[in-house]
């Protein structure tokens, strides 16, 4: 791991040097390129700029308004389903999440259910436990919050923590960031060199740690849940980004001033 004492604000000089030395970017879409239902100003242009410079851009989650093809996208949902298959889970899978997760689990050959319970506020009586359930999938990471439309909402990690408290033990696996199994899937699927790849994200404990533990360069974007106070008080070296920018539109502005 590179030893860092502080993070560097991206400048036009740093951009030219680093962009030239990086071949690939792995981008977390949430609050980096879009927030709520709207793309962040300059996001589409920033991705076009990077591609025009010959950079391969991999999206961790697809976002609205950003052109992408299936081969550009790696999701925690697909990695989770692959993990269930690899670990030879037997029986049905109960899914607490969205339709995309259930689709990926089905694609691996698992009978699954649970979506029909979304939105329910009461339990059936008597409550019956299904002994044929071999796994419960709840969320994909430990993000405690999800910023959207100027508000901070509970994230998937809040649901995971609630269930963990109820059952009295840690989850058997956390597939999403910063789990390195997901990163290895990205690197191997796209034949990426970690030393020439940069992880772009907004959260220190998932996005930045994900990249740092895997030997990637890291760029923190300040349009998400990380405050400048939190960035200044980083104690875990795995969560210290190489660079930071206010938002992705800065890349467009820096490129314009460096030409």
C-alpha atoms as a PDB file:
ATOM      1  CA  UNK A   1       0.000   0.000   0.000  1.00  0.00           C
ATOM      2  CA  UNK A   2       1.278   3.479  -0.844  1.00  0.00           C
ATOM      3  CA  UNK A   3       2.123   5.491   2.247  1.00  0.00           C
ATOM      4  CA  UNK A   4       0.149   8.766   2.284  1.00  0.00           C
ATOM      5  CA  UNK A   5       0.253  11.501   4.881  1.00  0.00           C
ATOM      6  CA  UNK A   6      -2.458  13.565   3.195  1.00  0.00           C
ATOM      7  CA  UNK A   7      -4.705  13.670   0.130  1.00  0.00           C
ATOM      8  CA  UNK A   8      -3.960  15.996  -2.782  1.00  0.00           C
ATOM      9  CA  UNK A   9      -6.564  18.258  -4.342  1.00  0.00           C
ATOM     10  CA  UNK A  10      -6.599  17.561  -8.075  1.00  0.00           C
ATOM     11  CA  UNK A  11      -4.916  20.296 -10.093  1.00  0.00           C
ATOM     12  CA  UNK A  12      -4.488  20.675 -13.841  1.00  0.00           C
ATOM     13  CA  UNK A  13      -0.870  19.470 -13.478  1.00  0.00           C
ATOM     14  CA  UNK A  14      -1.865  16.474 -11.370  1.00  0.00           C
ATOM     15  CA  UNK A  15      -4.613  15.639 -13.816  1.00  0.00           C
ATOM     16  CA  UNK A  16      -2.266  15.521 -16.800  1.00  0.00           C
ATOM     17  CA  UNK A  17       0.284  13.364 -14.961  1.00  0.00           C
ATOM     18  CA  UNK A  18      -2.208  10.957 -13.392  1.00  0.00           C
ATOM     19  CA  UNK A  19      -4.602  10.639 -16.308  1.00  0.00           C
ATOM     20  CA  UNK A  20      -1.640   9.782 -18.530  1.00  0.00           C
ATOM     21  CA  UNK A  21      -0.481   7.098 -16.068  1.00  0.00           C
ATOM     22  CA  UNK A  22      -3.944   5.550 -15.601  1.00  0.00           C
ATOM     23  CA  UNK A  23      -5.567   3.288 -18.182  1.00  0.00           C
ATOM     24  CA  UNK A  24      -8.787   2.383 -16.360  1.00  0.00           C
ATOM     25  CA  UNK A  25     -11.292   3.920 -13.962  1.00  0.00           C
ATOM     26  CA  UNK A  26     -13.738   2.066 -11.742  1.00  0.00           C
ATOM     27  CA  UNK A  27     -16.527   4.482 -10.866  1.00  0.00           C
ATOM     28  CA  UNK A  28     -19.139   4.263  -8.133  1.00  0.00           C
ATOM     29  CA  UNK A  29     -22.181   5.925  -9.690  1.00  0.00           C
ATOM     30  CA  UNK A  30     -24.082   6.835  -6.534  1.00  0.00           C
ATOM     31  CA  UNK A  31     -23.504  10.559  -5.757  1.00  0.00           C
ATOM     32  CA  UNK A  32     -20.377  10.583  -7.949  1.00  0.00           C
ATOM     33  CA  UNK A  33     -22.149  10.887 -11.304  1.00  0.00           C
ATOM     34  CA  UNK A  34     -25.751  11.229 -10.196  1.00  0.00           C
ATOM     35  CA  UNK A  35     -27.901  11.934  -7.173  1.00  0.00           C
ATOM     36  CA  UNK A  36     -31.517  10.946  -6.912  1.00  0.00           C
ATOM     37  CA  UNK A  37     -32.917  10.909 -10.449  1.00  0.00           C
ATOM     38  CA  UNK A  38     -30.577  13.539 -11.894  1.00  0.00           C
ATOM     39  CA  UNK A  39     -27.036  13.349 -13.210  1.00  0.00           C
ATOM     40  CA  UNK A  40     -24.558  15.655 -11.465  1.00  0.00           C
ATOM     41  CA  UNK A  41     -23.562  18.654 -13.573  1.00  0.00           C
ATOM     42  CA  UNK A  42     -20.727  17.746 -15.913  1.00  0.00           C
ATOM     43  CA  UNK A  43     -20.882  13.997 -15.205  1.00  0.00           C
ATOM     44  CA  UNK A  44     -21.739  12.919 -18.729  1.00  0.00           C
ATOM     45  CA  UNK A  45     -19.080  15.221 -20.169  1.00  0.00           C
ATOM     46  CA  UNK A  46     -16.435  13.976 -17.712  1.00  0.00           C
ATOM     47  CA  UNK A  47     -16.995  10.358 -18.745  1.00  0.00           C
ATOM     48  CA  UNK A  48     -16.857  11.380 -22.426  1.00  0.00           C
ATOM     49  CA  UNK A  49     -13.601  13.251 -21.744  1.00  0.00           C
ATOM     50  CA  UNK A  50     -11.981  10.221 -20.129  1.00  0.00           C
ATOM     51  CA  UNK A  51     -13.092   7.935 -22.927  1.00  0.00           C
ATOM     52  CA  UNK A  52     -11.804  10.400 -25.517  1.00  0.00           C
ATOM     53  CA  UNK A  53      -8.415  10.118 -23.826  1.00  0.00           C
ATOM     54  CA  UNK A  54      -8.516   6.363 -24.284  1.00  0.00           C
ATOM     55  CA  UNK A  55      -9.460   5.412 -20.731  1.00  0.00           C
ATOM     56  CA  UNK A  56     -11.619   2.362 -20.020  1.00  0.00           C
ATOM     57  CA  UNK A  57     -14.418   3.285 -17.621  1.00  0.00           C
ATOM     58  CA  UNK A  58     -16.079   0.549 -15.547  1.00  0.00           C
ATOM     59  CA  UNK A  59     -19.269   1.373 -13.660  1.00  0.00           C
ATOM     60  CA  UNK A  60     -19.886  -0.323 -10.327  1.00  0.00           C
ATOM     61  CA  UNK A  61     -23.596   0.521 -10.679  1.00  0.00           C
ATOM     62  CA  UNK A  62     -25.355   1.844 -13.815  1.00  0.00           C
ATOM     63  CA  UNK A  63     -26.672   5.403 -13.628  1.00  0.00           C
ATOM     64  CA  UNK A  64     -29.136   7.504 -15.574  1.00  0.00           C
ATOM     65  CA  UNK A  65     -27.939   9.747 -18.380  1.00  0.00           C
ATOM     66  CA  UNK A  66     -24.490   8.143 -18.663  1.00  0.00           C
ATOM     67  CA  UNK A  67     -24.009   6.085 -21.861  1.00  0.00           C
ATOM     68  CA  UNK A  68     -22.871   2.568 -20.994  1.00  0.00           C
ATOM     69  CA  UNK A  69     -23.044  -0.942 -22.379  1.00  0.00           C
ATOM     70  CA  UNK A  70     -23.439  -4.148 -20.404  1.00  0.00           C
ATOM     71  CA  UNK A  71     -19.722  -4.923 -20.613  1.00  0.00           C
ATOM     72  CA  UNK A  72     -18.945  -1.613 -18.841  1.00  0.00           C
ATOM     73  CA  UNK A  73     -21.002  -2.551 -15.774  1.00  0.00           C
ATOM     74  CA  UNK A  74     -20.077  -4.666 -12.755  1.00  0.00           C
ATOM     75  CA  UNK A  75     -22.678  -4.957 -10.001  1.00  0.00           C
ATOM     76  CA  UNK A  76     -22.534  -6.210  -6.438  1.00  0.00           C
ATOM     77  CA  UNK A  77     -25.736  -8.131  -7.214  1.00  0.00           C
ATOM     78  CA  UNK A  78     -24.065 -10.270  -9.878  1.00  0.00           C
ATOM     79  CA  UNK A  79     -21.042 -10.846  -7.621  1.00  0.00           C
ATOM     80  CA  UNK A  80     -23.370 -11.893  -4.788  1.00  0.00           C
ATOM     81  CA  UNK A  81     -25.206 -14.390  -6.954  1.00  0.00           C
ATOM     82  CA  UNK A  82     -21.894 -15.803  -8.182  1.00  0.00           C
ATOM     83  CA  UNK A  83     -20.766 -16.166  -4.552  1.00  0.00           C
ATOM     84  CA  UNK A  84     -23.872 -18.191  -3.691  1.00  0.00           C
ATOM     85  CA  UNK A  85     -23.104 -20.506  -6.595  1.00  0.00           C
ATOM     86  CA  UNK A  86     -19.404 -20.780  -5.760  1.00  0.00           C
ATOM     87  CA  UNK A  87     -20.091 -21.643  -2.117  1.00  0.00           C
ATOM     88  CA  UNK A  88     -22.629 -24.290  -3.156  1.00  0.00           C
ATOM     89  CA  UNK A  89     -25.591 -22.881  -1.240  1.00  0.00           C
ATOM     90  CA  UNK A  90     -28.414 -25.423  -1.108  1.00  0.00           C
ATOM     91  CA  UNK A  91     -32.102 -24.585  -1.063  1.00  0.00           C
ATOM     92  CA  UNK A  92     -34.080 -21.456  -1.775  1.00  0.00           C
ATOM     93  CA  UNK A  93     -32.767 -17.930  -1.328  1.00  0.00           C
ATOM     94  CA  UNK A  94     -34.764 -15.277   0.509  1.00  0.00           C
ATOM     95  CA  UNK A  95     -33.982 -11.873  -1.021  1.00  0.00           C
ATOM     96  CA  UNK A  96     -34.355  -8.607   0.864  1.00  0.00           C
ATOM     97  CA  UNK A  97     -33.698  -6.031  -1.828  1.00  0.00           C
ATOM     98  CA  UNK A  98     -34.708  -4.936  -5.294  1.00  0.00           C
ATOM     99  CA  UNK A  99     -35.715  -6.813  -8.415  1.00  0.00           C
ATOM    100  CA  UNK A 100     -32.230  -6.617  -9.952  1.00  0.00           C
ATOM    101  CA  UNK A 101     -30.768  -8.685  -7.118  1.00  0.00           C
ATOM    102  CA  UNK A 102     -33.489 -11.324  -7.460  1.00  0.00           C
ATOM    103  CA  UNK A 103     -32.855 -11.461 -11.225  1.00  0.00           C
ATOM    104  CA  UNK A 104     -29.145 -12.128 -10.713  1.00  0.00           C
ATOM    105  CA  UNK A 105     -29.869 -14.828  -8.115  1.00  0.00           C
ATOM    106  CA  UNK A 106     -32.318 -16.484 -10.532  1.00  0.00           C
ATOM    107  CA  UNK A 107     -29.719 -16.345 -13.307  1.00  0.00           C
ATOM    108  CA  UNK A 108     -27.458 -18.548 -11.172  1.00  0.00           C
ATOM    109  CA  UNK A 109     -30.208 -21.151 -10.935  1.00  0.00           C
ATOM    110  CA  UNK A 110     -31.559 -20.405  -7.457  1.00  0.00           C
ATOM    111  CA  UNK A 111     -35.241 -20.401  -6.633  1.00  0.00           C
ATOM    112  CA  UNK A 112     -35.779 -17.200  -4.682  1.00  0.00           C
ATOM    113  CA  UNK A 113     -38.558 -15.196  -3.103  1.00  0.00           C
ATOM    114  CA  UNK A 114     -38.992 -12.226  -0.788  1.00  0.00           C
ATOM    115  CA  UNK A 115     -39.804  -9.351  -3.109  1.00  0.00           C
ATOM    116  CA  UNK A 116     -43.486  -9.924  -2.452  1.00  0.00           C
ATOM    117  CA  UNK A 117     -42.865  -8.931   1.177  1.00  0.00           C
ATOM    118  CA  UNK A 118     -41.475  -5.485   0.293  1.00  0.00           C
ATOM    119  CA  UNK A 119     -43.510  -2.760   1.940  1.00  0.00           C
ATOM    120  CA  UNK A 120     -45.258  -5.016   4.429  1.00  0.00           C
ATOM    121  CA  UNK A 121     -45.609  -3.561   7.903  1.00  0.00           C
ATOM    122  CA  UNK A 122     -47.052  -6.550   9.741  1.00  0.00           C
ATOM    123  CA  UNK A 123     -46.216 -10.229  10.177  1.00  0.00           C
ATOM    124  CA  UNK A 124     -48.508 -13.190   9.474  1.00  0.00           C
ATOM    125  CA  UNK A 125     -49.887 -15.100  12.434  1.00  0.00           C
ATOM    126  CA  UNK A 126     -48.921 -17.750  13.054  1.00  0.00           C
ATOM    127  CA  UNK A 127     -45.461 -17.061  11.602  1.00  0.00           C
ATOM    128  CA  UNK A 128     -44.017 -20.079   9.798  1.00  0.00           C
ATOM    129  CA  UNK A 129     -40.311 -20.635   9.123  1.00  0.00           C
ATOM    130  CA  UNK A 130     -39.522 -22.150   5.710  1.00  0.00           C
ATOM    131  CA  UNK A 131     -36.925 -24.908   6.317  1.00  0.00           C
ATOM    132  CA  UNK A 132     -36.049 -25.024   2.611  1.00  0.00           C
ATOM    133  CA  UNK A 133     -34.345 -21.593   2.723  1.00  0.00           C
ATOM    134  CA  UNK A 134     -30.601 -22.049   2.407  1.00  0.00           C
ATOM    135  CA  UNK A 135     -29.562 -18.392   2.434  1.00  0.00           C
ATOM    136  CA  UNK A 136     -30.899 -14.935   3.193  1.00  0.00           C
ATOM    137  CA  UNK A 137     -29.484 -12.090   1.094  1.00  0.00           C
ATOM    138  CA  UNK A 138     -30.044  -8.671   2.642  1.00  0.00           C
ATOM    139  CA  UNK A 139     -28.438  -5.739   0.886  1.00  0.00           C
ATOM    140  CA  UNK A 140     -24.939  -6.007  -0.524  1.00  0.00           C
ATOM    141  CA  UNK A 141     -22.745  -3.730   1.554  1.00  0.00           C
ATOM    142  CA  UNK A 142     -22.534  -1.890   4.848  1.00  0.00           C
ATOM    143  CA  UNK A 143     -23.194   1.635   3.640  1.00  0.00           C
ATOM    144  CA  UNK A 144     -25.069   3.067   6.649  1.00  0.00           C
ATOM    145  CA  UNK A 145     -26.587   5.933   4.694  1.00  0.00           C
ATOM    146  CA  UNK A 146     -27.716   6.813   1.176  1.00  0.00           C
ATOM    147  CA  UNK A 147     -27.638  10.500   0.205  1.00  0.00           C
ATOM    148  CA  UNK A 148     -30.349  11.521  -2.259  1.00  0.00           C
ATOM    149  CA  UNK A 149     -32.072  14.782  -3.225  1.00  0.00           C
ATOM    150  CA  UNK A 150     -30.437  16.731  -0.420  1.00  0.00           C
ATOM    151  CA  UNK A 151     -31.438  14.206   2.262  1.00  0.00           C
ATOM    152  CA  UNK A 152     -29.578  11.399   4.027  1.00  0.00           C
ATOM    153  CA  UNK A 153     -31.579   8.163   4.084  1.00  0.00           C
ATOM    154  CA  UNK A 154     -30.796   4.821   5.779  1.00  0.00           C
ATOM    155  CA  UNK A 155     -28.657   2.650   3.509  1.00  0.00           C
ATOM    156  CA  UNK A 156     -28.368  -1.105   3.085  1.00  0.00           C
ATOM    157  CA  UNK A 157     -25.929  -1.294   5.978  1.00  0.00           C
ATOM    158  CA  UNK A 158     -28.652  -0.140   8.371  1.00  0.00           C
ATOM    159  CA  UNK A 159     -30.758  -3.158   7.382  1.00  0.00           C
ATOM    160  CA  UNK A 160     -27.774  -5.485   7.717  1.00  0.00           C
ATOM    161  CA  UNK A 161     -27.032  -4.113  11.198  1.00  0.00           C
ATOM    162  CA  UNK A 162     -30.640  -4.630  12.301  1.00  0.00           C
ATOM    163  CA  UNK A 163     -30.635  -8.286  11.249  1.00  0.00           C
ATOM    164  CA  UNK A 164     -27.150  -8.817  12.712  1.00  0.00           C
ATOM    165  CA  UNK A 165     -28.412  -7.526  16.055  1.00  0.00           C
ATOM    166  CA  UNK A 166     -31.465  -9.778  15.898  1.00  0.00           C
ATOM    167  CA  UNK A 167     -29.573 -13.007  15.116  1.00  0.00           C
ATOM    168  CA  UNK A 168     -26.573 -12.166  17.303  1.00  0.00           C
ATOM    169  CA  UNK A 169     -23.796 -12.792  14.797  1.00  0.00           C
ATOM    170  CA  UNK A 170     -21.891 -11.297  11.871  1.00  0.00           C
ATOM    171  CA  UNK A 171     -23.032 -11.969   8.294  1.00  0.00           C
ATOM    172  CA  UNK A 172     -21.378 -14.942   6.636  1.00  0.00           C
ATOM    173  CA  UNK A 173     -20.151 -12.654   3.847  1.00  0.00           C
ATOM    174  CA  UNK A 174     -20.258  -9.016   2.757  1.00  0.00           C
ATOM    175  CA  UNK A 175     -20.020  -9.066  -1.028  1.00  0.00           C
ATOM    176  CA  UNK A 176     -20.076  -5.349  -1.782  1.00  0.00           C
ATOM    177  CA  UNK A 177     -17.271  -2.831  -1.328  1.00  0.00           C
ATOM    178  CA  UNK A 178     -14.728  -2.934   0.242  1.00  0.00           C
ATOM    179  CA  UNK A 179     -14.741  -6.728  -0.214  1.00  0.00           C
ATOM    180  CA  UNK A 180     -11.755  -7.612  -2.364  1.00  0.00           C
ATOM    181  CA  UNK A 181     -13.525 -10.546  -4.020  1.00  0.00           C
ATOM    182  CA  UNK A 182     -15.623  -7.982  -5.907  1.00  0.00           C
ATOM    183  CA  UNK A 183     -12.498  -6.091  -6.953  1.00  0.00           C
ATOM    184  CA  UNK A 184     -10.814  -9.266  -8.163  1.00  0.00           C
ATOM    185  CA  UNK A 185     -13.918 -10.009 -10.231  1.00  0.00           C
ATOM    186  CA  UNK A 186     -13.651  -6.562 -11.833  1.00  0.00           C
ATOM    187  CA  UNK A 187      -9.915  -6.861 -12.490  1.00  0.00           C
ATOM    188  CA  UNK A 188     -10.082 -10.369 -13.936  1.00  0.00           C
ATOM    189  CA  UNK A 189     -13.228  -9.799 -15.994  1.00  0.00           C
ATOM    190  CA  UNK A 190     -11.778  -6.724 -17.686  1.00  0.00           C
ATOM    191  CA  UNK A 191      -8.061  -7.718 -17.583  1.00  0.00           C
ATOM    192  CA  UNK A 192      -7.132  -4.578 -15.642  1.00  0.00           C
ATOM    193  CA  UNK A 193      -3.736  -3.733 -14.149  1.00  0.00           C
ATOM    194  CA  UNK A 194      -4.329  -2.468 -10.571  1.00  0.00           C
ATOM    195  CA  UNK A 195      -1.321  -0.129 -10.785  1.00  0.00           C
ATOM    196  CA  UNK A 196      -2.926   1.632 -13.763  1.00  0.00           C
ATOM    197  CA  UNK A 197      -6.479   1.704 -12.399  1.00  0.00           C
ATOM    198  CA  UNK A 198      -8.196   4.380 -10.302  1.00  0.00           C
ATOM    199  CA  UNK A 199     -11.228   3.920  -8.060  1.00  0.00           C
ATOM    200  CA  UNK A 200     -13.505   6.967  -8.023  1.00  0.00           C
ATOM    201  CA  UNK A 201     -15.997   7.165  -5.178  1.00  0.00           C
ATOM    202  CA  UNK A 202     -17.609   9.300  -2.494  1.00  0.00           C
ATOM    203  CA  UNK A 203     -17.378   7.159   0.661  1.00  0.00           C
ATOM    204  CA  UNK A 204     -14.173   6.522   2.596  1.00  0.00           C
ATOM    205  CA  UNK A 205     -15.127   3.226   4.255  1.00  0.00           C
ATOM    206  CA  UNK A 206     -16.299   1.530   1.050  1.00  0.00           C
ATOM    207  CA  UNK A 207     -15.110   3.157  -2.191  1.00  0.00           C
ATOM    208  CA  UNK A 208     -11.716   4.446  -1.075  1.00  0.00           C
ATOM    209  CA  UNK A 209     -10.874   1.463   1.145  1.00  0.00           C
ATOM    210  CA  UNK A 210     -11.968  -0.805  -1.718  1.00  0.00           C
ATOM    211  CA  UNK A 211      -9.399   0.769  -4.025  1.00  0.00           C
ATOM    212  CA  UNK A 212      -6.592   1.221  -1.513  1.00  0.00           C
ATOM    213  CA  UNK A 213      -6.700  -2.385  -0.313  1.00  0.00           C
ATOM    214  CA  UNK A 214      -6.530  -3.534  -3.911  1.00  0.00           C
ATOM    215  CA  UNK A 215      -3.545  -1.398  -4.852  1.00  0.00           C
ATOM    216  CA  UNK A 216      -5.525   1.051  -7.013  1.00  0.00           C
ATOM    217  CA  UNK A 217      -5.177   4.807  -7.135  1.00  0.00           C
ATOM    218  CA  UNK A 218      -8.152   6.479  -5.468  1.00  0.00           C
ATOM    219  CA  UNK A 219     -10.068   9.698  -6.130  1.00  0.00           C
ATOM    220  CA  UNK A 220     -12.583  10.951  -3.570  1.00  0.00           C
ATOM    221  CA  UNK A 221     -15.457  13.045  -4.914  1.00  0.00           C
ATOM    222  CA  UNK A 222     -17.016  15.369  -2.337  1.00  0.00           C
ATOM    223  CA  UNK A 223     -20.602  15.255  -3.676  1.00  0.00           C
ATOM    224  CA  UNK A 224     -21.608  12.345  -1.461  1.00  0.00           C
ATOM    225  CA  UNK A 225     -21.662  11.603   2.233  1.00  0.00           C
ATOM    226  CA  UNK A 226     -18.052  12.474   3.153  1.00  0.00           C
ATOM    227  CA  UNK A 227     -17.547  15.916   4.682  1.00  0.00           C
ATOM    228  CA  UNK A 228     -14.348  17.936   4.568  1.00  0.00           C
ATOM    229  CA  UNK A 229     -14.115  17.527   8.352  1.00  0.00           C
ATOM    230  CA  UNK A 230     -14.213  13.729   7.994  1.00  0.00           C
ATOM    231  CA  UNK A 231     -11.610  13.825   5.239  1.00  0.00           C
ATOM    232  CA  UNK A 232      -9.296  15.926   7.439  1.00  0.00           C
ATOM    233  CA  UNK A 233      -9.656  13.499  10.359  1.00  0.00           C
ATOM    234  CA  UNK A 234      -8.966  10.175   8.577  1.00  0.00           C
ATOM    235  CA  UNK A 235      -7.321   7.698  10.971  1.00  0.00           C
ATOM    236  CA  UNK A 236      -7.401   4.522   8.857  1.00  0.00           C
ATOM    237  CA  UNK A 237      -4.707   4.644   6.163  1.00  0.00           C
ATOM    238  CA  UNK A 238      -6.773   2.319   3.974  1.00  0.00           C
ATOM    239  CA  UNK A 239      -9.390   5.086   3.825  1.00  0.00           C
ATOM    240  CA  UNK A 240      -7.057   7.926   2.829  1.00  0.00           C
ATOM    241  CA  UNK A 241      -7.573   8.807  -0.867  1.00  0.00           C
ATOM    242  CA  UNK A 242      -4.705   9.747  -3.162  1.00  0.00           C
ATOM    243  CA  UNK A 243      -6.678  12.685  -4.570  1.00  0.00           C
ATOM    244  CA  UNK A 244      -9.935  14.511  -4.022  1.00  0.00           C
ATOM    245  CA  UNK A 245     -12.121  16.870  -6.052  1.00  0.00           C
ATOM    246  CA  UNK A 246     -15.235  18.871  -5.247  1.00  0.00           C
ATOM    247  CA  UNK A 247     -17.225  17.132  -8.020  1.00  0.00           C
ATOM    248  CA  UNK A 248     -16.603  15.346 -11.315  1.00  0.00           C
ATOM    249  CA  UNK A 249     -17.176  18.540 -13.271  1.00  0.00           C
ATOM    250  CA  UNK A 250     -13.791  19.689 -11.957  1.00  0.00           C
ATOM    251  CA  UNK A 251     -12.226  17.216 -14.404  1.00  0.00           C
ATOM    252  CA  UNK A 252     -13.853  19.068 -17.294  1.00  0.00           C
ATOM    253  CA  UNK A 253     -12.706  22.450 -15.968  1.00  0.00           C
ATOM    254  CA  UNK A 254      -9.136  21.258 -15.374  1.00  0.00           C
ATOM    255  CA  UNK A 255      -8.969  19.729 -18.837  1.00  0.00           C
ATOM    256  CA  UNK A 256     -10.109  23.025 -20.347  1.00  0.00           C
ATOM    257  CA  UNK A 257      -7.428  25.020 -18.496  1.00  0.00           C
ATOM    258  CA  UNK A 258      -4.634  22.568 -19.309  1.00  0.00           C
ATOM    259  CA  UNK A 259      -5.118  22.731 -23.084  1.00  0.00           C
END
